Amino acid sequence: MRRGRWLLAVKAAVSIGLLAWLVSGVASREGMPVLVARASSVAPGPVVAAVGLHLTAVLAGVLRWRVLLQARGLAQPLPWLVRSFLIGRFVGAFTPSTAGLDGFRAIEVARRTGDAAGSASVMVVEKLFGLVGMAVVCAALAPLGALDGLGPMVLPVTFGVAAVAASGIALLHAPAVLKALAARAPGPLHGPAGRAADALARHPLGWSRSMVALGLGVASHLALSATFAAAGAALAVDVSWGTLLSVGNATVVAVLLPVSIGGIGVREGVAVALLSGAGVSTSEAVLVALTGYVTGQVPALLGGLLLVLERGPSKDLAPTRGEGAL
């Protein structure tokens, strides 16, 4: 418990420190009135588009979760999945990376189905597809050049992680191999590994579902990246949409690192570092990142509203393993 609180305090310090550094930089170079003036000139149309892109990413995420739950024999109604995902986004706004979102969803499905191990395993498989989808988007956007600002090792590391994730996905389609590996697992892991392999044999993922899950992962990551292009359009930043899309992609990748609270500070720092090479001022870069962040809180606020509106124990918490999805 103490270790968790200490880590949370460190991550909060990282977020506050990065934001303070960026704001002080804007104040010393351009003056705060410039930042306020630029913020007041935001065009509403692209802001609405950014919100729509965030909601599109949520929908893609929900559908991917649904596909993987169905494969595991834990299918749930689509409206319930949307509700859980949105509330998870609200919880995730106060936690590092996607820990709050993933943890909340895993607990909700476990309560509803009574299968905690199955629910947790779906979260792990979802991460594998998400990492491969991220690499696909990185590969598509790399020729635009904006990722170069993160250093020469960004793409090799990204593709290395994706290769590991792809290997994990391949193993999901080879239960016999998994059983053989589980049989060689060390003592404490032998039982859980064997049960996981047996569960996979009973509920094979299938290549068609894998392709759907991968496509939805790509769509979700691309929609999140595009929110930064919409934010740049809202602020009339004088750079190409391709550059903004690439910066958005790099920012989404960077905030996945669990070093801050909700990516605050990291998001703005990456935007400043990359957009400065394209001639964008610090104040504009900070505002692009903040606009992308604020519009992304709309799904989280919807989740918070749903959480407030729920009263008393819900019948949704009754075990409904394998309930048909709408």
C-alpha atoms as a PDB file:
ATOM      1  CA  MET A   1       0.000   0.000   0.000  1.00  0.00           C
ATOM      2  CA  ARG A   2       2.771   2.425   0.958  1.00  0.00           C
ATOM      3  CA  ARG A   3       4.689   1.582  -2.197  1.00  0.00           C
ATOM      4  CA  GLY A   4       1.587   2.273  -4.330  1.00  0.00           C
ATOM      5  CA  ARG A   5       1.047   5.634  -2.677  1.00  0.00           C
ATOM      6  CA  TRP A   6       4.702   6.509  -3.134  1.00  0.00           C
ATOM      7  CA  LEU A   7       4.548   5.675  -6.844  1.00  0.00           C
ATOM      8  CA  LEU A   8       1.346   7.710  -7.223  1.00  0.00           C
ATOM      9  CA  ALA A   9       3.023  10.676  -5.532  1.00  0.00           C
ATOM     10  CA  VAL A  10       6.020  10.400  -7.872  1.00  0.00           C
ATOM     11  CA  LYS A  11       3.775  10.312 -10.945  1.00  0.00           C
ATOM     12  CA  ALA A  12       1.785  13.289  -9.694  1.00  0.00           C
ATOM     13  CA  ALA A  13       5.058  15.161  -9.164  1.00  0.00           C
ATOM     14  CA  VAL A  14       6.105  14.328 -12.740  1.00  0.00           C
ATOM     15  CA  SER A  15       2.836  15.714 -14.120  1.00  0.00           C
ATOM     16  CA  ILE A  16       2.953  18.883 -12.014  1.00  0.00           C
ATOM     17  CA  GLY A  17       6.637  19.437 -12.702  1.00  0.00           C
ATOM     18  CA  LEU A  18       6.312  19.067 -16.471  1.00  0.00           C
ATOM     19  CA  LEU A  19       3.292  21.352 -16.637  1.00  0.00           C
ATOM     20  CA  ALA A  20       4.997  23.971 -14.463  1.00  0.00           C
ATOM     21  CA  TRP A  21       8.079  23.858 -16.677  1.00  0.00           C
ATOM     22  CA  LEU A  22       6.023  24.299 -19.856  1.00  0.00           C
ATOM     23  CA  VAL A  23       3.917  27.150 -18.454  1.00  0.00           C
ATOM     24  CA  SER A  24       6.991  28.960 -17.156  1.00  0.00           C
ATOM     25  CA  GLY A  25       8.565  28.563 -20.591  1.00  0.00           C
ATOM     26  CA  VAL A  26       5.546  30.127 -22.271  1.00  0.00           C
ATOM     27  CA  ALA A  27       5.491  32.952 -19.725  1.00  0.00           C
ATOM     28  CA  SER A  28       9.192  33.769 -20.163  1.00  0.00           C
ATOM     29  CA  ARG A  29       9.299  33.505 -23.970  1.00  0.00           C
ATOM     30  CA  GLU A  30       5.920  34.726 -25.156  1.00  0.00           C
ATOM     31  CA  GLY A  31       4.022  35.973 -22.104  1.00  0.00           C
ATOM     32  CA  MET A  32       0.840  34.560 -20.638  1.00  0.00           C
ATOM     33  CA  PRO A  33      -1.393  37.061 -22.500  1.00  0.00           C
ATOM     34  CA  VAL A  34      -0.361  35.350 -25.743  1.00  0.00           C
ATOM     35  CA  LEU A  35      -1.480  31.981 -24.388  1.00  0.00           C
ATOM     36  CA  VAL A  36      -4.802  33.425 -23.225  1.00  0.00           C
ATOM     37  CA  ALA A  37      -5.374  35.178 -26.553  1.00  0.00           C
ATOM     38  CA  ARG A  38      -4.699  32.022 -28.559  1.00  0.00           C
ATOM     39  CA  ALA A  39      -6.968  29.977 -26.298  1.00  0.00           C
ATOM     40  CA  SER A  40      -9.820  32.435 -26.816  1.00  0.00           C
ATOM     41  CA  SER A  41      -9.592  32.086 -30.603  1.00  0.00           C
ATOM     42  CA  VAL A  42     -10.345  28.357 -30.736  1.00  0.00           C
ATOM     43  CA  ALA A  43     -12.745  27.451 -33.560  1.00  0.00           C
ATOM     44  CA  PRO A  44     -15.722  25.411 -32.289  1.00  0.00           C
ATOM     45  CA  GLY A  45     -16.180  23.191 -35.374  1.00  0.00           C
ATOM     46  CA  PRO A  46     -12.862  21.307 -35.125  1.00  0.00           C
ATOM     47  CA  VAL A  47     -13.338  21.028 -31.345  1.00  0.00           C
ATOM     48  CA  VAL A  48     -16.627  19.213 -31.953  1.00  0.00           C
ATOM     49  CA  ALA A  49     -14.810  17.018 -34.474  1.00  0.00           C
ATOM     50  CA  ALA A  50     -12.151  16.192 -31.853  1.00  0.00           C
ATOM     51  CA  VAL A  51     -14.866  15.136 -29.399  1.00  0.00           C
ATOM     52  CA  GLY A  52     -16.402  12.960 -32.110  1.00  0.00           C
ATOM     53  CA  LEU A  53     -13.035  11.313 -32.756  1.00  0.00           C
ATOM     54  CA  HIS A  54     -12.620  10.538 -29.069  1.00  0.00           C
ATOM     55  CA  LEU A  55     -16.087   8.973 -29.020  1.00  0.00           C
ATOM     56  CA  THR A  56     -15.167   6.995 -32.148  1.00  0.00           C
ATOM     57  CA  ALA A  57     -12.100   5.658 -30.330  1.00  0.00           C
ATOM     58  CA  VAL A  58     -14.337   4.674 -27.408  1.00  0.00           C
ATOM     59  CA  LEU A  59     -16.737   2.838 -29.729  1.00  0.00           C
ATOM     60  CA  ALA A  60     -13.869   0.967 -31.392  1.00  0.00           C
ATOM     61  CA  GLY A  61     -12.519   0.037 -27.966  1.00  0.00           C
ATOM     62  CA  VAL A  62     -15.918  -1.220 -26.801  1.00  0.00           C
ATOM     63  CA  LEU A  63     -16.412  -3.311 -29.929  1.00  0.00           C
ATOM     64  CA  ARG A  64     -12.946  -4.850 -29.604  1.00  0.00           C
ATOM     65  CA  TRP A  65     -13.653  -5.697 -25.950  1.00  0.00           C
ATOM     66  CA  ARG A  66     -16.968  -7.222 -26.984  1.00  0.00           C
ATOM     67  CA  VAL A  67     -15.336  -9.443 -29.636  1.00  0.00           C
ATOM     68  CA  LEU A  68     -12.747 -10.744 -27.181  1.00  0.00           C
ATOM     69  CA  LEU A  69     -15.336 -11.366 -24.461  1.00  0.00           C
ATOM     70  CA  GLN A  70     -17.449 -13.333 -26.929  1.00  0.00           C
ATOM     71  CA  ALA A  71     -14.442 -15.465 -27.807  1.00  0.00           C
ATOM     72  CA  ARG A  72     -13.896 -16.196 -24.107  1.00  0.00           C
ATOM     73  CA  GLY A  73     -17.546 -17.181 -23.602  1.00  0.00           C
ATOM     74  CA  LEU A  74     -18.261 -14.041 -21.570  1.00  0.00           C
ATOM     75  CA  ALA A  75     -20.412 -12.078 -24.037  1.00  0.00           C
ATOM     76  CA  GLN A  76     -22.367  -9.151 -22.583  1.00  0.00           C
ATOM     77  CA  PRO A  77     -24.976  -6.709 -23.985  1.00  0.00           C
ATOM     78  CA  LEU A  78     -23.488  -3.847 -25.946  1.00  0.00           C
ATOM     79  CA  PRO A  79     -25.206  -1.063 -23.917  1.00  0.00           C
ATOM     80  CA  TRP A  80     -23.771  -2.507 -20.703  1.00  0.00           C
ATOM     81  CA  LEU A  81     -20.294  -2.637 -22.246  1.00  0.00           C
ATOM     82  CA  VAL A  82     -20.583   1.004 -23.353  1.00  0.00           C
ATOM     83  CA  ARG A  83     -21.663   1.991 -19.832  1.00  0.00           C
ATOM     84  CA  SER A  84     -18.767   0.116 -18.224  1.00  0.00           C
ATOM     85  CA  PHE A  85     -16.236   1.523 -20.694  1.00  0.00           C
ATOM     86  CA  LEU A  86     -17.365   5.115 -20.122  1.00  0.00           C
ATOM     87  CA  ILE A  87     -17.265   4.760 -16.336  1.00  0.00           C
ATOM     88  CA  GLY A  88     -13.856   3.162 -16.731  1.00  0.00           C
ATOM     89  CA  ARG A  89     -12.728   6.228 -18.666  1.00  0.00           C
ATOM     90  CA  PHE A  90     -13.868   8.384 -15.747  1.00  0.00           C
ATOM     91  CA  VAL A  91     -11.913   6.249 -13.278  1.00  0.00           C
ATOM     92  CA  GLY A  92      -8.933   6.242 -15.642  1.00  0.00           C
ATOM     93  CA  ALA A  93      -8.782  10.046 -15.665  1.00  0.00           C
ATOM     94  CA  PHE A  94      -7.257   9.845 -12.181  1.00  0.00           C
ATOM     95  CA  THR A  95      -4.874   6.940 -12.687  1.00  0.00           C
ATOM     96  CA  PRO A  96      -1.617   6.365 -14.602  1.00  0.00           C
ATOM     97  CA  SER A  97      -1.822   5.232 -18.224  1.00  0.00           C
ATOM     98  CA  THR A  98      -4.859   2.957 -18.802  1.00  0.00           C
ATOM     99  CA  ALA A  99      -4.716   1.233 -15.401  1.00  0.00           C
ATOM    100  CA  GLY A 100      -8.013   2.649 -14.140  1.00  0.00           C
ATOM    101  CA  LEU A 101      -9.931   1.909 -17.334  1.00  0.00           C
ATOM    102  CA  ASP A 102      -8.639  -1.651 -17.633  1.00  0.00           C
ATOM    103  CA  GLY A 103      -8.944  -2.453 -13.949  1.00  0.00           C
ATOM    104  CA  PHE A 104     -12.513  -1.191 -13.679  1.00  0.00           C
ATOM    105  CA  ARG A 105     -13.666  -3.164 -16.719  1.00  0.00           C
ATOM    106  CA  ALA A 106     -11.977  -6.350 -15.514  1.00  0.00           C
ATOM    107  CA  ILE A 107     -13.678  -6.061 -12.128  1.00  0.00           C
ATOM    108  CA  GLU A 108     -17.079  -5.297 -13.650  1.00  0.00           C
ATOM    109  CA  VAL A 109     -17.054  -8.348 -15.915  1.00  0.00           C
ATOM    110  CA  ALA A 110     -15.740 -10.527 -13.100  1.00  0.00           C
ATOM    111  CA  ARG A 111     -18.626  -9.423 -10.852  1.00  0.00           C
ATOM    112  CA  ARG A 112     -21.171  -9.966 -13.584  1.00  0.00           C
ATOM    113  CA  THR A 113     -19.944 -13.389 -14.732  1.00  0.00           C
ATOM    114  CA  GLY A 114     -18.140 -14.812 -11.714  1.00  0.00           C
ATOM    115  CA  ASP A 115     -15.095 -15.503 -13.898  1.00  0.00           C
ATOM    116  CA  ALA A 116     -12.336 -13.218 -12.614  1.00  0.00           C
ATOM    117  CA  ALA A 117      -9.564 -15.132 -14.387  1.00  0.00           C
ATOM    118  CA  GLY A 118     -11.390 -15.004 -17.719  1.00  0.00           C
ATOM    119  CA  SER A 119     -12.108 -11.303 -17.387  1.00  0.00           C
ATOM    120  CA  ALA A 120      -8.478 -10.528 -16.567  1.00  0.00           C
ATOM    121  CA  SER A 121      -7.238 -12.671 -19.451  1.00  0.00           C
ATOM    122  CA  VAL A 122      -9.413 -10.709 -21.889  1.00  0.00           C
ATOM    123  CA  MET A 123      -7.701  -7.501 -20.719  1.00  0.00           C
ATOM    124  CA  VAL A 124      -4.296  -9.052 -21.406  1.00  0.00           C
ATOM    125  CA  VAL A 125      -5.316 -10.213 -24.891  1.00  0.00           C
ATOM    126  CA  GLU A 126      -6.800  -6.788 -25.603  1.00  0.00           C
ATOM    127  CA  LYS A 127      -3.432  -5.196 -24.783  1.00  0.00           C
ATOM    128  CA  LEU A 128      -1.692  -7.488 -27.251  1.00  0.00           C
ATOM    129  CA  PHE A 129      -3.982  -6.381 -30.066  1.00  0.00           C
ATOM    130  CA  GLY A 130      -3.668  -2.756 -28.984  1.00  0.00           C
ATOM    131  CA  LEU A 131       0.133  -2.868 -29.183  1.00  0.00           C
ATOM    132  CA  VAL A 132       0.081  -4.395 -32.656  1.00  0.00           C
ATOM    133  CA  GLY A 133      -2.504  -1.836 -33.799  1.00  0.00           C
ATOM    134  CA  MET A 134      -0.303   0.957 -32.453  1.00  0.00           C
ATOM    135  CA  ALA A 135       2.653  -0.371 -34.442  1.00  0.00           C
ATOM    136  CA  VAL A 136       0.558  -0.504 -37.627  1.00  0.00           C
ATOM    137  CA  VAL A 137      -0.364   3.171 -37.238  1.00  0.00           C
ATOM    138  CA  CYS A 138       3.254   4.079 -36.442  1.00  0.00           C
ATOM    139  CA  ALA A 139       4.426   2.317 -39.586  1.00  0.00           C
ATOM    140  CA  ALA A 140       1.828   4.136 -41.688  1.00  0.00           C
ATOM    141  CA  LEU A 141       2.753   7.548 -40.268  1.00  0.00           C
ATOM    142  CA  ALA A 142       6.536   7.142 -40.016  1.00  0.00           C
ATOM    143  CA  PRO A 143       7.178   8.468 -43.561  1.00  0.00           C
ATOM    144  CA  LEU A 144       5.664  11.801 -42.487  1.00  0.00           C
ATOM    145  CA  GLY A 145       8.740  12.321 -40.300  1.00  0.00           C
ATOM    146  CA  ALA A 146       7.270  13.809 -37.151  1.00  0.00           C
ATOM    147  CA  LEU A 147       8.196  10.743 -35.097  1.00  0.00           C
ATOM    148  CA  ASP A 148      11.876  11.477 -35.708  1.00  0.00           C
ATOM    149  CA  GLY A 149      11.799  14.019 -32.899  1.00  0.00           C
ATOM    150  CA  LEU A 150      11.482  11.209 -30.362  1.00  0.00           C
ATOM    151  CA  GLY A 151      14.841   9.786 -31.366  1.00  0.00           C
ATOM    152  CA  PRO A 152      16.102   7.030 -33.693  1.00  0.00           C
ATOM    153  CA  MET A 153      15.101   4.210 -31.315  1.00  0.00           C
ATOM    154  CA  VAL A 154      11.382   4.988 -31.229  1.00  0.00           C
ATOM    155  CA  LEU A 155      10.360   2.907 -34.234  1.00  0.00           C
ATOM    156  CA  PRO A 156      12.659  -0.078 -33.464  1.00  0.00           C
ATOM    157  CA  VAL A 157      11.415  -0.195 -29.871  1.00  0.00           C
ATOM    158  CA  THR A 158       7.781   0.160 -30.988  1.00  0.00           C
ATOM    159  CA  PHE A 159       8.105  -2.628 -33.523  1.00  0.00           C
ATOM    160  CA  GLY A 160      10.001  -4.764 -31.016  1.00  0.00           C
ATOM    161  CA  VAL A 161       7.146  -4.478 -28.543  1.00  0.00           C
ATOM    162  CA  ALA A 162       4.660  -5.178 -31.345  1.00  0.00           C
ATOM    163  CA  ALA A 163       6.629  -8.276 -32.382  1.00  0.00           C
ATOM    164  CA  VAL A 164       6.383  -9.636 -28.839  1.00  0.00           C
ATOM    165  CA  ALA A 165       2.653  -8.860 -28.792  1.00  0.00           C
ATOM    166  CA  ALA A 166       2.170 -10.490 -32.206  1.00  0.00           C
ATOM    167  CA  SER A 167       3.971 -13.589 -30.930  1.00  0.00           C
ATOM    168  CA  GLY A 168       1.556 -13.695 -28.017  1.00  0.00           C
ATOM    169  CA  ILE A 169      -1.398 -13.441 -30.403  1.00  0.00           C
ATOM    170  CA  ALA A 170       0.044 -16.262 -32.509  1.00  0.00           C
ATOM    171  CA  LEU A 171       0.281 -18.444 -29.398  1.00  0.00           C
ATOM    172  CA  LEU A 172      -3.398 -17.815 -28.727  1.00  0.00           C
ATOM    173  CA  HIS A 173      -4.092 -19.820 -31.869  1.00  0.00           C
ATOM    174  CA  ALA A 174      -1.852 -22.708 -30.836  1.00  0.00           C
ATOM    175  CA  PRO A 175      -3.348 -24.283 -27.675  1.00  0.00           C
ATOM    176  CA  ALA A 176      -1.101 -27.353 -27.987  1.00  0.00           C
ATOM    177  CA  VAL A 177       2.005 -25.172 -27.881  1.00  0.00           C
ATOM    178  CA  LEU A 178       0.629 -23.250 -24.922  1.00  0.00           C
ATOM    179  CA  LYS A 179      -0.087 -26.489 -23.069  1.00  0.00           C
ATOM    180  CA  ALA A 180       3.462 -27.652 -23.705  1.00  0.00           C
ATOM    181  CA  LEU A 181       4.838 -24.347 -22.396  1.00  0.00           C
ATOM    182  CA  ALA A 182       2.496 -24.476 -19.393  1.00  0.00           C
ATOM    183  CA  ALA A 183       3.768 -27.961 -18.539  1.00  0.00           C
ATOM    184  CA  ARG A 184       7.280 -26.513 -18.257  1.00  0.00           C
ATOM    185  CA  ALA A 185       6.261 -23.530 -16.142  1.00  0.00           C
ATOM    186  CA  PRO A 186       7.920 -23.263 -12.704  1.00  0.00           C
ATOM    187  CA  GLY A 187       6.052 -24.532  -9.638  1.00  0.00           C
ATOM    188  CA  PRO A 188       4.004 -21.446  -8.620  1.00  0.00           C
ATOM    189  CA  LEU A 189       3.022 -20.738 -12.225  1.00  0.00           C
ATOM    190  CA  HIS A 190       2.362 -24.304 -13.288  1.00  0.00           C
ATOM    191  CA  GLY A 191      -1.266 -24.449 -12.137  1.00  0.00           C
ATOM    192  CA  PRO A 192      -2.426 -21.026 -13.447  1.00  0.00           C
ATOM    193  CA  ALA A 193      -0.594 -21.530 -16.754  1.00  0.00           C
ATOM    194  CA  GLY A 194      -2.190 -24.932 -17.232  1.00  0.00           C
ATOM    195  CA  ARG A 195      -5.681 -23.594 -16.478  1.00  0.00           C
ATOM    196  CA  ALA A 196      -5.155 -20.729 -18.917  1.00  0.00           C
ATOM    197  CA  ALA A 197      -4.072 -23.134 -21.652  1.00  0.00           C
ATOM    198  CA  ASP A 198      -7.081 -25.377 -20.990  1.00  0.00           C
ATOM    199  CA  ALA A 199      -9.434 -22.374 -21.106  1.00  0.00           C
ATOM    200  CA  LEU A 200      -7.951 -21.303 -24.427  1.00  0.00           C
ATOM    201  CA  ALA A 201      -8.482 -24.768 -25.859  1.00  0.00           C
ATOM    202  CA  ARG A 202     -12.151 -24.604 -24.819  1.00  0.00           C
ATOM    203  CA  HIS A 203     -12.624 -21.071 -26.178  1.00  0.00           C
ATOM    204  CA  PRO A 204     -10.375 -20.615 -29.241  1.00  0.00           C
ATOM    205  CA  LEU A 205     -10.076 -17.049 -30.454  1.00  0.00           C
ATOM    206  CA  GLY A 206     -10.173 -17.812 -34.170  1.00  0.00           C
ATOM    207  CA  TRP A 207      -8.430 -15.871 -36.923  1.00  0.00           C
ATOM    208  CA  SER A 208     -11.571 -14.045 -38.068  1.00  0.00           C
ATOM    209  CA  ARG A 209     -12.096 -12.575 -34.600  1.00  0.00           C
ATOM    210  CA  SER A 210      -8.377 -11.777 -34.432  1.00  0.00           C
ATOM    211  CA  MET A 211      -8.529  -9.757 -37.628  1.00  0.00           C
ATOM    212  CA  VAL A 212     -11.598  -7.877 -36.396  1.00  0.00           C
ATOM    213  CA  ALA A 213      -9.915  -7.124 -33.063  1.00  0.00           C
ATOM    214  CA  LEU A 214      -6.764  -5.933 -34.832  1.00  0.00           C
ATOM    215  CA  GLY A 215      -8.742  -3.714 -37.202  1.00  0.00           C
ATOM    216  CA  LEU A 216     -10.622  -2.146 -34.305  1.00  0.00           C
ATOM    217  CA  GLY A 217      -7.306  -1.567 -32.492  1.00  0.00           C
ATOM    218  CA  VAL A 218      -5.943   0.283 -35.512  1.00  0.00           C
ATOM    219  CA  ALA A 219      -9.156   2.332 -35.807  1.00  0.00           C
ATOM    220  CA  SER A 220      -9.065   3.299 -32.128  1.00  0.00           C
ATOM    221  CA  HIS A 221      -5.413   4.365 -32.203  1.00  0.00           C
ATOM    222  CA  LEU A 222      -5.854   6.282 -35.464  1.00  0.00           C
ATOM    223  CA  ALA A 223      -8.920   8.128 -34.121  1.00  0.00           C
ATOM    224  CA  LEU A 224      -7.014   9.168 -31.003  1.00  0.00           C
ATOM    225  CA  SER A 225      -4.117  10.408 -33.120  1.00  0.00           C
ATOM    226  CA  ALA A 226      -6.491  12.365 -35.349  1.00  0.00           C
ATOM    227  CA  THR A 227      -7.843  14.327 -32.376  1.00  0.00           C
ATOM    228  CA  PHE A 228      -4.583  16.276 -32.364  1.00  0.00           C
ATOM    229  CA  ALA A 229      -5.026  17.154 -36.026  1.00  0.00           C
ATOM    230  CA  ALA A 230      -8.501  18.442 -35.164  1.00  0.00           C
ATOM    231  CA  ALA A 231      -7.042  20.381 -32.214  1.00  0.00           C
ATOM    232  CA  GLY A 232      -4.471  21.971 -34.527  1.00  0.00           C
ATOM    233  CA  ALA A 233      -7.230  22.963 -36.934  1.00  0.00           C
ATOM    234  CA  ALA A 234      -9.205  24.471 -34.057  1.00  0.00           C
ATOM    235  CA  LEU A 235      -6.219  26.688 -33.228  1.00  0.00           C
ATOM    236  CA  ALA A 236      -5.371  27.380 -36.901  1.00  0.00           C
ATOM    237  CA  VAL A 237      -1.817  26.105 -36.353  1.00  0.00           C
ATOM    238  CA  ASP A 238       0.211  26.575 -39.538  1.00  0.00           C
ATOM    239  CA  VAL A 239       1.405  22.997 -40.092  1.00  0.00           C
ATOM    240  CA  SER A 240       0.154  20.171 -42.276  1.00  0.00           C
ATOM    241  CA  TRP A 241      -2.495  17.739 -41.079  1.00  0.00           C
ATOM    242  CA  GLY A 242       0.015  14.949 -41.660  1.00  0.00           C
ATOM    243  CA  THR A 243       2.441  16.484 -39.193  1.00  0.00           C
ATOM    244  CA  LEU A 244      -0.306  16.978 -36.624  1.00  0.00           C
ATOM    245  CA  LEU A 245      -1.467  13.388 -37.129  1.00  0.00           C
ATOM    246  CA  SER A 246       2.071  12.102 -36.613  1.00  0.00           C
ATOM    247  CA  VAL A 247       2.541  14.232 -33.506  1.00  0.00           C
ATOM    248  CA  GLY A 248      -0.779  12.978 -32.194  1.00  0.00           C
ATOM    249  CA  ASN A 249       0.336   9.403 -32.771  1.00  0.00           C
ATOM    250  CA  ALA A 250       3.639   9.986 -30.963  1.00  0.00           C
ATOM    251  CA  THR A 251       1.793  11.639 -28.096  1.00  0.00           C
ATOM    252  CA  VAL A 252      -0.655   8.746 -27.735  1.00  0.00           C
ATOM    253  CA  VAL A 253       2.304   6.340 -27.614  1.00  0.00           C
ATOM    254  CA  ALA A 254       4.136   8.465 -25.033  1.00  0.00           C
ATOM    255  CA  VAL A 255       1.203   8.796 -22.628  1.00  0.00           C
ATOM    256  CA  LEU A 256       0.896   5.009 -22.468  1.00  0.00           C
ATOM    257  CA  LEU A 257       4.011   5.066 -20.291  1.00  0.00           C
ATOM    258  CA  PRO A 258       2.856   4.959 -16.638  1.00  0.00           C
ATOM    259  CA  VAL A 259       5.024   7.879 -15.501  1.00  0.00           C
ATOM    260  CA  SER A 260       2.328  10.495 -14.884  1.00  0.00           C
ATOM    261  CA  ILE A 261      -1.334  10.877 -13.938  1.00  0.00           C
ATOM    262  CA  GLY A 262      -3.488  10.545 -17.044  1.00  0.00           C
ATOM    263  CA  GLY A 263      -0.522  11.537 -19.228  1.00  0.00           C
ATOM    264  CA  ILE A 264      -0.699  15.139 -17.941  1.00  0.00           C
ATOM    265  CA  GLY A 265       2.584  16.917 -18.582  1.00  0.00           C
ATOM    266  CA  VAL A 266       3.961  14.159 -20.804  1.00  0.00           C
ATOM    267  CA  ARG A 267       1.368  14.915 -23.482  1.00  0.00           C
ATOM    268  CA  GLU A 268       2.202  18.619 -23.545  1.00  0.00           C
ATOM    269  CA  GLY A 269       5.957  18.023 -23.380  1.00  0.00           C
ATOM    270  CA  VAL A 270       5.933  15.687 -26.376  1.00  0.00           C
ATOM    271  CA  ALA A 271       3.773  18.122 -28.371  1.00  0.00           C
ATOM    272  CA  VAL A 272       6.175  21.002 -27.662  1.00  0.00           C
ATOM    273  CA  ALA A 273       9.240  18.905 -28.489  1.00  0.00           C
ATOM    274  CA  LEU A 274       7.869  17.686 -31.831  1.00  0.00           C
ATOM    275  CA  LEU A 275       5.942  20.727 -33.037  1.00  0.00           C
ATOM    276  CA  SER A 276       8.830  23.106 -32.303  1.00  0.00           C
ATOM    277  CA  GLY A 277      10.705  21.440 -35.155  1.00  0.00           C
ATOM    278  CA  ALA A 278       7.855  22.437 -37.466  1.00  0.00           C
ATOM    279  CA  GLY A 279       8.026  26.079 -36.389  1.00  0.00           C
ATOM    280  CA  VAL A 280       5.121  25.975 -33.952  1.00  0.00           C
ATOM    281  CA  SER A 281       5.430  28.214 -30.891  1.00  0.00           C
ATOM    282  CA  THR A 282       5.474  26.756 -27.396  1.00  0.00           C
ATOM    283  CA  SER A 283       2.138  28.344 -26.522  1.00  0.00           C
ATOM    284  CA  GLU A 284       0.441  26.883 -29.610  1.00  0.00           C
ATOM    285  CA  ALA A 285       1.940  23.433 -29.022  1.00  0.00           C
ATOM    286  CA  VAL A 286       0.773  23.427 -25.400  1.00  0.00           C
ATOM    287  CA  LEU A 287      -2.716  24.498 -26.461  1.00  0.00           C
ATOM    288  CA  VAL A 288      -2.899  21.777 -29.121  1.00  0.00           C
ATOM    289  CA  ALA A 289      -2.077  19.159 -26.502  1.00  0.00           C
ATOM    290  CA  LEU A 290      -4.465  20.645 -23.943  1.00  0.00           C
ATOM    291  CA  THR A 291      -7.281  20.849 -26.494  1.00  0.00           C
ATOM    292  CA  GLY A 292      -6.746  17.196 -27.371  1.00  0.00           C
ATOM    293  CA  TYR A 293      -6.789  16.329 -23.663  1.00  0.00           C
ATOM    294  CA  VAL A 294      -9.862  18.402 -22.747  1.00  0.00           C
ATOM    295  CA  THR A 295     -11.945  17.064 -25.633  1.00  0.00           C
ATOM    296  CA  GLY A 296     -10.924  13.576 -24.535  1.00  0.00           C
ATOM    297  CA  GLN A 297     -12.500  14.169 -21.142  1.00  0.00           C
ATOM    298  CA  VAL A 298     -16.012  14.273 -22.645  1.00  0.00           C
ATOM    299  CA  PRO A 299     -16.306  10.445 -22.594  1.00  0.00           C
ATOM    300  CA  ALA A 300     -14.898  10.476 -19.044  1.00  0.00           C
ATOM    301  CA  LEU A 301     -17.482  13.057 -17.955  1.00  0.00           C
ATOM    302  CA  LEU A 302     -20.242  10.949 -19.492  1.00  0.00           C
ATOM    303  CA  GLY A 303     -18.947   8.018 -17.469  1.00  0.00           C
ATOM    304  CA  GLY A 304     -18.917  10.135 -14.308  1.00  0.00           C
ATOM    305  CA  LEU A 305     -22.522  11.171 -14.970  1.00  0.00           C
ATOM    306  CA  LEU A 306     -23.554   7.543 -15.415  1.00  0.00           C
ATOM    307  CA  LEU A 307     -21.826   6.682 -12.155  1.00  0.00           C
ATOM    308  CA  VAL A 308     -23.681   9.445 -10.306  1.00  0.00           C
ATOM    309  CA  LEU A 309     -27.045   8.453 -11.801  1.00  0.00           C
ATOM    310  CA  GLU A 310     -26.727   4.826 -10.743  1.00  0.00           C
ATOM    311  CA  ARG A 311     -28.516   4.240  -7.444  1.00  0.00           C
ATOM    312  CA  GLY A 312     -28.281   1.193  -5.205  1.00  0.00           C
ATOM    313  CA  PRO A 313     -27.333  -2.336  -6.239  1.00  0.00           C
ATOM    314  CA  SER A 314     -27.933  -3.020  -9.896  1.00  0.00           C
ATOM    315  CA  LYS A 315     -29.408  -6.185 -11.273  1.00  0.00           C
ATOM    316  CA  ASP A 316     -26.527  -6.028 -13.779  1.00  0.00           C
ATOM    317  CA  LEU A 317     -24.272  -7.375 -11.044  1.00  0.00           C
ATOM    318  CA  ALA A 318     -26.049 -10.733 -11.037  1.00  0.00           C
ATOM    319  CA  PRO A 319     -23.998 -13.492 -12.720  1.00  0.00           C
ATOM    320  CA  THR A 320     -24.839 -13.653 -16.427  1.00  0.00           C
ATOM    321  CA  ARG A 321     -22.000 -15.690 -17.891  1.00  0.00           C
ATOM    322  CA  GLY A 322     -22.374 -16.049 -21.620  1.00  0.00           C
ATOM    323  CA  GLU A 323     -25.331 -13.666 -21.889  1.00  0.00           C
ATOM    324  CA  GLY A 324     -25.977 -12.823 -25.521  1.00  0.00           C
ATOM    325  CA  ALA A 325     -24.775  -9.450 -26.746  1.00  0.00           C
ATOM    326  CA  LEU A 326     -27.102  -7.188 -28.636  1.00  0.00           C
END
